[in-house]
Amino acid sequence: MANIFGQAGGHVNLVKILKDGWFPDGTYFFIDMELCAFDLADFIQVAYGHPVSNSSTRVHSQLLSLSHAVEEISSSTSPRQLRFSGITNILTQITAGVKFMHSYNAIHRDLKPGNGT
């Protein structure tokens, strides 16, 4: 899989696959991916004003600056909400990444905010 996506040049909406293969005993297939500082679940928590419990102060400040820089957050509402344009932007990026995977006959079997960046 790393070879297929690597040869294709990857995709901006997918985490890079560094290495993949079978365990020596042949029982499990592994995929080694780049480590991301935060995921979509973290972004959503910060967007709604909730602290991200397992992140560092640096990552939390990155999330805050990202959410304000792209103006995905409507600060005039209480409680805070993601704007519709921000939600459609996120869904468009997810769809583009999944479409790319499908074009190589690959699937993602666990789509959820904690697995999306």
N, C-alpha and C. Protein backbone atom coordinates (compact mmCIF):
# COMPACT_ATOMS: atom_id res chain seq x y z
N MET A 1 0.82 -1.19 0.00
CA MET A 1 0.00 0.00 0.00
C MET A 1 0.87 1.26 0.00
N ALA A 2 1.93 1.27 0.79
CA ALA A 2 2.81 2.43 0.82
C ALA A 2 3.39 2.68 -0.57
N ASN A 3 3.75 1.61 -1.26
CA ASN A 3 4.29 1.75 -2.61
C ASN A 3 3.26 2.33 -3.57
N ILE A 4 2.03 1.86 -3.50
CA ILE A 4 0.99 2.35 -4.39
C ILE A 4 0.75 3.83 -4.16
N PHE A 5 0.48 4.23 -2.92
CA PHE A 5 0.20 5.62 -2.64
C PHE A 5 1.44 6.48 -2.83
N GLY A 6 2.61 5.95 -2.52
CA GLY A 6 3.86 6.69 -2.70
C GLY A 6 4.14 6.98 -4.16
N GLN A 7 3.93 5.98 -5.02
CA GLN A 7 4.12 6.17 -6.45
C GLN A 7 3.13 7.17 -7.02
N ALA A 8 1.96 7.22 -6.42
CA ALA A 8 0.93 8.16 -6.88
C ALA A 8 1.22 9.58 -6.39
N GLY A 9 2.21 9.75 -5.54
CA GLY A 9 2.53 11.07 -5.02
C GLY A 9 1.76 11.43 -3.77
N GLY A 10 1.03 10.48 -3.23
CA GLY A 10 0.25 10.72 -2.02
C GLY A 10 -0.94 11.62 -2.29
N HIS A 11 -1.55 12.06 -1.24
CA HIS A 11 -2.70 12.96 -1.35
C HIS A 11 -2.66 13.91 -0.17
N VAL A 12 -2.99 15.16 -0.40
CA VAL A 12 -2.91 16.19 0.63
C VAL A 12 -3.83 15.88 1.82
N ASN A 13 -4.90 15.12 1.61
CA ASN A 13 -5.85 14.83 2.68
C ASN A 13 -5.63 13.47 3.33
N LEU A 14 -4.50 12.84 3.06
CA LEU A 14 -4.19 11.55 3.66
C LEU A 14 -2.87 11.62 4.43
N VAL A 15 -2.83 10.93 5.55
CA VAL A 15 -1.60 10.80 6.31
C VAL A 15 -0.64 9.95 5.49
N LYS A 16 0.63 10.29 5.51
CA LYS A 16 1.63 9.53 4.74
C LYS A 16 1.85 8.15 5.35
N ILE A 17 1.90 7.16 4.48
CA ILE A 17 2.24 5.80 4.90
C ILE A 17 3.75 5.66 4.74
N LEU A 18 4.44 5.38 5.84
CA LEU A 18 5.89 5.28 5.82
C LEU A 18 6.36 3.89 5.44
N LYS A 19 5.65 2.88 5.92
CA LYS A 19 6.06 1.50 5.69
C LYS A 19 4.86 0.60 5.95
N ASP A 20 4.81 -0.49 5.22
CA ASP A 20 3.78 -1.48 5.51
C ASP A 20 4.34 -2.87 5.20
N GLY A 21 3.66 -3.87 5.71
CA GLY A 21 4.12 -5.24 5.45
C GLY A 21 3.52 -6.21 6.44
N TRP A 22 3.94 -7.44 6.32
CA TRP A 22 3.46 -8.51 7.19
C TRP A 22 4.43 -8.73 8.34
N PHE A 23 3.90 -9.05 9.52
CA PHE A 23 4.74 -9.46 10.63
C PHE A 23 5.50 -10.71 10.20
N PRO A 24 6.67 -10.96 10.78
CA PRO A 24 7.47 -12.11 10.37
C PRO A 24 6.72 -13.45 10.40
N ASP A 25 5.80 -13.61 11.34
CA ASP A 25 5.07 -14.88 11.40
C ASP A 25 3.91 -14.92 10.41
N GLY A 26 3.67 -13.82 9.68
CA GLY A 26 2.64 -13.79 8.65
C GLY A 26 1.21 -13.67 9.15
N THR A 27 1.03 -13.41 10.43
CA THR A 27 -0.34 -13.38 10.97
C THR A 27 -1.00 -12.02 10.85
N TYR A 28 -0.24 -10.94 10.87
CA TYR A 28 -0.82 -9.59 10.85
C TYR A 28 -0.14 -8.73 9.81
N PHE A 29 -0.94 -7.87 9.19
CA PHE A 29 -0.43 -6.87 8.26
C PHE A 29 -0.35 -5.55 9.02
N PHE A 30 0.74 -4.82 8.91
CA PHE A 30 0.87 -3.55 9.62
C PHE A 30 1.03 -2.40 8.64
N ILE A 31 0.63 -1.22 9.10
CA ILE A 31 0.81 0.02 8.34
C ILE A 31 1.41 1.04 9.30
N ASP A 32 2.60 1.52 8.99
CA ASP A 32 3.30 2.52 9.79
C ASP A 32 3.07 3.87 9.14
N MET A 33 2.38 4.78 9.86
CA MET A 33 2.02 6.08 9.29
C MET A 33 2.70 7.21 10.06
N GLU A 34 2.78 8.37 9.41
CA GLU A 34 3.36 9.54 10.08
C GLU A 34 2.52 9.90 11.30
N LEU A 35 3.16 10.45 12.30
CA LEU A 35 2.48 10.87 13.52
C LEU A 35 1.96 12.29 13.33
N CYS A 36 0.70 12.49 13.64
CA CYS A 36 0.08 13.81 13.51
C CYS A 36 -0.06 14.43 14.90
N ALA A 37 0.11 15.73 14.97
CA ALA A 37 0.04 16.43 16.26
C ALA A 37 -1.37 16.43 16.83
N PHE A 38 -2.37 16.44 15.96
CA PHE A 38 -3.76 16.44 16.41
C PHE A 38 -4.62 15.84 15.32
N ASP A 39 -5.87 15.54 15.66
CA ASP A 39 -6.79 14.96 14.70
C ASP A 39 -8.08 15.78 14.66
N LEU A 40 -9.02 15.36 13.86
CA LEU A 40 -10.28 16.08 13.72
C LEU A 40 -11.04 16.14 15.03
N ALA A 41 -10.99 15.08 15.82
CA ALA A 41 -11.68 15.08 17.12
C ALA A 41 -11.12 16.18 18.02
N ASP A 42 -9.80 16.36 18.03
CA ASP A 42 -9.18 17.43 18.82
C ASP A 42 -9.64 18.80 18.32
N PHE A 43 -9.65 18.97 16.99
CA PHE A 43 -10.08 20.24 16.41
C PHE A 43 -11.51 20.56 16.81
N ILE A 44 -12.40 19.58 16.75
CA ILE A 44 -13.80 19.79 17.11
C ILE A 44 -13.92 20.17 18.59
N GLN A 45 -13.17 19.48 19.44
CA GLN A 45 -13.22 19.81 20.88
C GLN A 45 -12.80 21.24 21.14
N VAL A 46 -11.70 21.66 20.54
CA VAL A 46 -11.20 23.02 20.74
C VAL A 46 -12.17 24.03 20.12
N ALA A 47 -12.73 23.69 18.97
CA ALA A 47 -13.68 24.58 18.31
C ALA A 47 -14.89 24.86 19.19
N TYR A 48 -15.30 23.88 19.95
CA TYR A 48 -16.45 24.05 20.83
C TYR A 48 -16.06 24.48 22.24
N GLY A 49 -14.79 24.88 22.41
CA GLY A 49 -14.36 25.43 23.68
C GLY A 49 -14.00 24.43 24.75
N HIS A 50 -13.82 23.17 24.37
CA HIS A 50 -13.44 22.13 25.34
C HIS A 50 -11.94 21.89 25.27
N PRO A 51 -11.31 21.66 26.41
CA PRO A 51 -9.87 21.38 26.39
C PRO A 51 -9.61 19.99 25.81
N VAL A 52 -8.46 19.84 25.20
CA VAL A 52 -8.03 18.54 24.70
C VAL A 52 -7.14 17.94 25.76
N SER A 53 -7.61 16.91 26.42
CA SER A 53 -6.96 16.38 27.61
C SER A 53 -5.58 15.79 27.35
N ASN A 54 -5.38 15.16 26.21
CA ASN A 54 -4.12 14.46 25.98
C ASN A 54 -3.14 15.24 25.11
N SER A 55 -3.34 16.54 24.96
CA SER A 55 -2.43 17.30 24.11
C SER A 55 -1.57 18.24 24.94
N SER A 56 -0.45 18.59 24.38
CA SER A 56 0.44 19.54 25.04
C SER A 56 -0.11 20.96 24.86
N THR A 57 0.45 21.89 25.59
CA THR A 57 0.06 23.30 25.46
C THR A 57 0.34 23.78 24.05
N ARG A 58 1.47 23.34 23.48
CA ARG A 58 1.85 23.75 22.11
C ARG A 58 0.80 23.29 21.10
N VAL A 59 0.38 22.04 21.20
CA VAL A 59 -0.63 21.51 20.27
C VAL A 59 -1.95 22.22 20.47
N HIS A 60 -2.32 22.47 21.72
CA HIS A 60 -3.58 23.18 22.00
C HIS A 60 -3.55 24.57 21.39
N SER A 61 -2.44 25.27 21.49
CA SER A 61 -2.35 26.61 20.91
C SER A 61 -2.36 26.54 19.37
N GLN A 62 -1.77 25.48 18.79
CA GLN A 62 -1.83 25.30 17.33
C GLN A 62 -3.28 25.12 16.89
N LEU A 63 -4.02 24.33 17.63
CA LEU A 63 -5.43 24.10 17.30
C LEU A 63 -6.22 25.39 17.39
N LEU A 64 -5.99 26.17 18.44
CA LEU A 64 -6.68 27.45 18.58
C LEU A 64 -6.35 28.39 17.44
N SER A 65 -5.08 28.48 17.08
CA SER A 65 -4.69 29.39 16.00
C SER A 65 -5.24 28.91 14.67
N LEU A 66 -5.27 27.61 14.45
CA LEU A 66 -5.83 27.07 13.21
C LEU A 66 -7.32 27.40 13.12
N SER A 67 -8.04 27.19 14.20
CA SER A 67 -9.47 27.42 14.16
C SER A 67 -9.80 28.89 13.93
N HIS A 68 -8.99 29.80 14.46
CA HIS A 68 -9.25 31.23 14.24
C HIS A 68 -8.74 31.67 12.87
N ALA A 69 -7.63 31.12 12.41
CA ALA A 69 -7.05 31.53 11.14
C ALA A 69 -7.95 31.19 9.96
N VAL A 70 -8.57 30.03 10.00
CA VAL A 70 -9.43 29.65 8.87
C VAL A 70 -10.86 30.12 9.04
N GLU A 71 -11.13 30.80 10.13
CA GLU A 71 -12.44 31.35 10.43
C GLU A 71 -13.56 30.32 10.31
N GLU A 72 -13.27 29.13 10.85
CA GLU A 72 -14.26 28.07 10.84
C GLU A 72 -15.21 28.20 12.04
N ILE A 73 -14.83 29.04 12.99
CA ILE A 73 -15.59 29.12 14.22
C ILE A 73 -16.37 30.42 14.28
N SER A 74 -17.63 30.31 14.57
CA SER A 74 -18.48 31.48 14.73
C SER A 74 -18.42 31.91 16.19
N SER A 75 -17.76 33.02 16.47
CA SER A 75 -17.60 33.46 17.85
C SER A 75 -18.82 34.21 18.36
N SER A 76 -19.79 34.49 17.48
CA SER A 76 -20.96 35.26 17.90
C SER A 76 -22.05 34.37 18.48
N THR A 77 -21.88 33.07 18.44
CA THR A 77 -22.91 32.17 18.95
C THR A 77 -22.51 31.61 20.29
N SER A 78 -23.50 31.26 21.08
CA SER A 78 -23.24 30.66 22.37
C SER A 78 -24.17 29.47 22.53
N PRO A 79 -23.70 28.27 22.71
CA PRO A 79 -22.30 27.89 22.74
C PRO A 79 -21.65 28.01 21.36
N ARG A 80 -20.34 27.96 21.34
CA ARG A 80 -19.60 28.10 20.09
C ARG A 80 -19.99 27.00 19.12
N GLN A 81 -19.98 27.33 17.84
CA GLN A 81 -20.34 26.37 16.81
C GLN A 81 -19.41 26.51 15.61
N LEU A 82 -19.20 25.41 14.92
CA LEU A 82 -18.52 25.49 13.64
C LEU A 82 -19.50 26.05 12.63
N ARG A 83 -19.03 26.92 11.77
CA ARG A 83 -19.88 27.46 10.71
C ARG A 83 -20.18 26.37 9.70
N PHE A 84 -21.29 26.50 9.00
CA PHE A 84 -21.67 25.53 7.98
C PHE A 84 -20.57 25.42 6.92
N SER A 85 -19.97 26.54 6.54
CA SER A 85 -18.91 26.52 5.53
C SER A 85 -17.70 25.72 6.03
N GLY A 86 -17.43 25.80 7.33
CA GLY A 86 -16.33 25.02 7.90
C GLY A 86 -16.61 23.54 7.88
N ILE A 87 -17.86 23.18 8.20
CA ILE A 87 -18.24 21.77 8.19
C ILE A 87 -18.16 21.21 6.77
N THR A 88 -18.68 21.95 5.79
CA THR A 88 -18.63 21.45 4.41
C THR A 88 -17.19 21.36 3.92
N ASN A 89 -16.33 22.28 4.36
CA ASN A 89 -14.91 22.22 4.00
C ASN A 89 -14.27 20.94 4.53
N ILE A 90 -14.54 20.61 5.78
CA ILE A 90 -13.99 19.38 6.38
C ILE A 90 -14.51 18.15 5.65
N LEU A 91 -15.81 18.10 5.39
CA LEU A 91 -16.38 16.94 4.70
C LEU A 91 -15.86 16.80 3.27
N THR A 92 -15.64 17.92 2.60
CA THR A 92 -15.07 17.89 1.25
C THR A 92 -13.67 17.30 1.26
N GLN A 93 -12.86 17.68 2.26
CA GLN A 93 -11.50 17.14 2.37
C GLN A 93 -11.51 15.64 2.66
N ILE A 94 -12.40 15.21 3.56
CA ILE A 94 -12.52 13.79 3.87
C ILE A 94 -12.92 13.01 2.63
N THR A 95 -13.93 13.52 1.92
CA THR A 95 -14.42 12.85 0.70
C THR A 95 -13.33 12.75 -0.35
N ALA A 96 -12.54 13.81 -0.51
CA ALA A 96 -11.46 13.79 -1.50
C ALA A 96 -10.41 12.72 -1.16
N GLY A 97 -10.07 12.60 0.12
CA GLY A 97 -9.11 11.58 0.54
C GLY A 97 -9.65 10.17 0.32
N VAL A 98 -10.91 9.95 0.67
CA VAL A 98 -11.53 8.63 0.48
C VAL A 98 -11.64 8.30 -1.00
N LYS A 99 -12.00 9.28 -1.82
CA LYS A 99 -12.08 9.06 -3.27
C LYS A 99 -10.73 8.64 -3.84
N PHE A 100 -9.67 9.30 -3.37
CA PHE A 100 -8.32 8.94 -3.81
C PHE A 100 -8.01 7.49 -3.44
N MET A 101 -8.31 7.11 -2.20
CA MET A 101 -8.08 5.73 -1.77
C MET A 101 -8.86 4.75 -2.63
N HIS A 102 -10.12 5.06 -2.88
CA HIS A 102 -10.96 4.17 -3.68
C HIS A 102 -10.43 4.03 -5.10
N SER A 103 -9.80 5.08 -5.63
CA SER A 103 -9.24 5.00 -6.99
C SER A 103 -8.10 3.98 -7.07
N TYR A 104 -7.55 3.59 -5.91
CA TYR A 104 -6.50 2.56 -5.84
C TYR A 104 -7.04 1.28 -5.20
N ASN A 105 -8.37 1.14 -5.21
CA ASN A 105 -9.04 -0.04 -4.64
C ASN A 105 -8.67 -0.29 -3.18
N ALA A 106 -8.47 0.79 -2.46
CA ALA A 106 -8.19 0.71 -1.01
C ALA A 106 -9.39 1.28 -0.27
N ILE A 107 -9.62 0.78 0.92
CA ILE A 107 -10.73 1.28 1.74
C ILE A 107 -10.20 1.69 3.11
N HIS A 108 -10.97 2.51 3.79
CA HIS A 108 -10.67 2.87 5.17
C HIS A 108 -11.78 2.25 6.00
N ARG A 109 -11.43 1.34 6.88
CA ARG A 109 -12.43 0.59 7.61
C ARG A 109 -12.81 1.22 8.95
N ASP A 110 -12.29 2.40 9.24
CA ASP A 110 -12.55 2.99 10.56
C ASP A 110 -12.59 4.51 10.50
N LEU A 111 -13.43 5.07 9.63
CA LEU A 111 -13.54 6.52 9.53
C LEU A 111 -14.26 7.07 10.76
N LYS A 112 -13.59 7.98 11.46
CA LYS A 112 -14.17 8.66 12.62
C LYS A 112 -13.30 9.89 12.91
N PRO A 113 -13.81 10.86 13.64
CA PRO A 113 -13.02 12.08 13.90
C PRO A 113 -11.65 11.81 14.53
N GLY A 114 -11.53 10.79 15.35
CA GLY A 114 -10.25 10.48 15.97
C GLY A 114 -9.23 9.92 15.01
N ASN A 115 -9.67 9.52 13.82
CA ASN A 115 -8.75 9.01 12.79
C ASN A 115 -8.60 9.98 11.63
N GLY A 116 -9.17 11.15 11.73
CA GLY A 116 -9.10 12.14 10.66
C GLY A 116 -8.28 13.34 11.07
N THR A 117 -7.45 13.84 10.15
CA THR A 117 -6.63 14.99 10.46
C THR A 117 -6.94 16.11 9.52
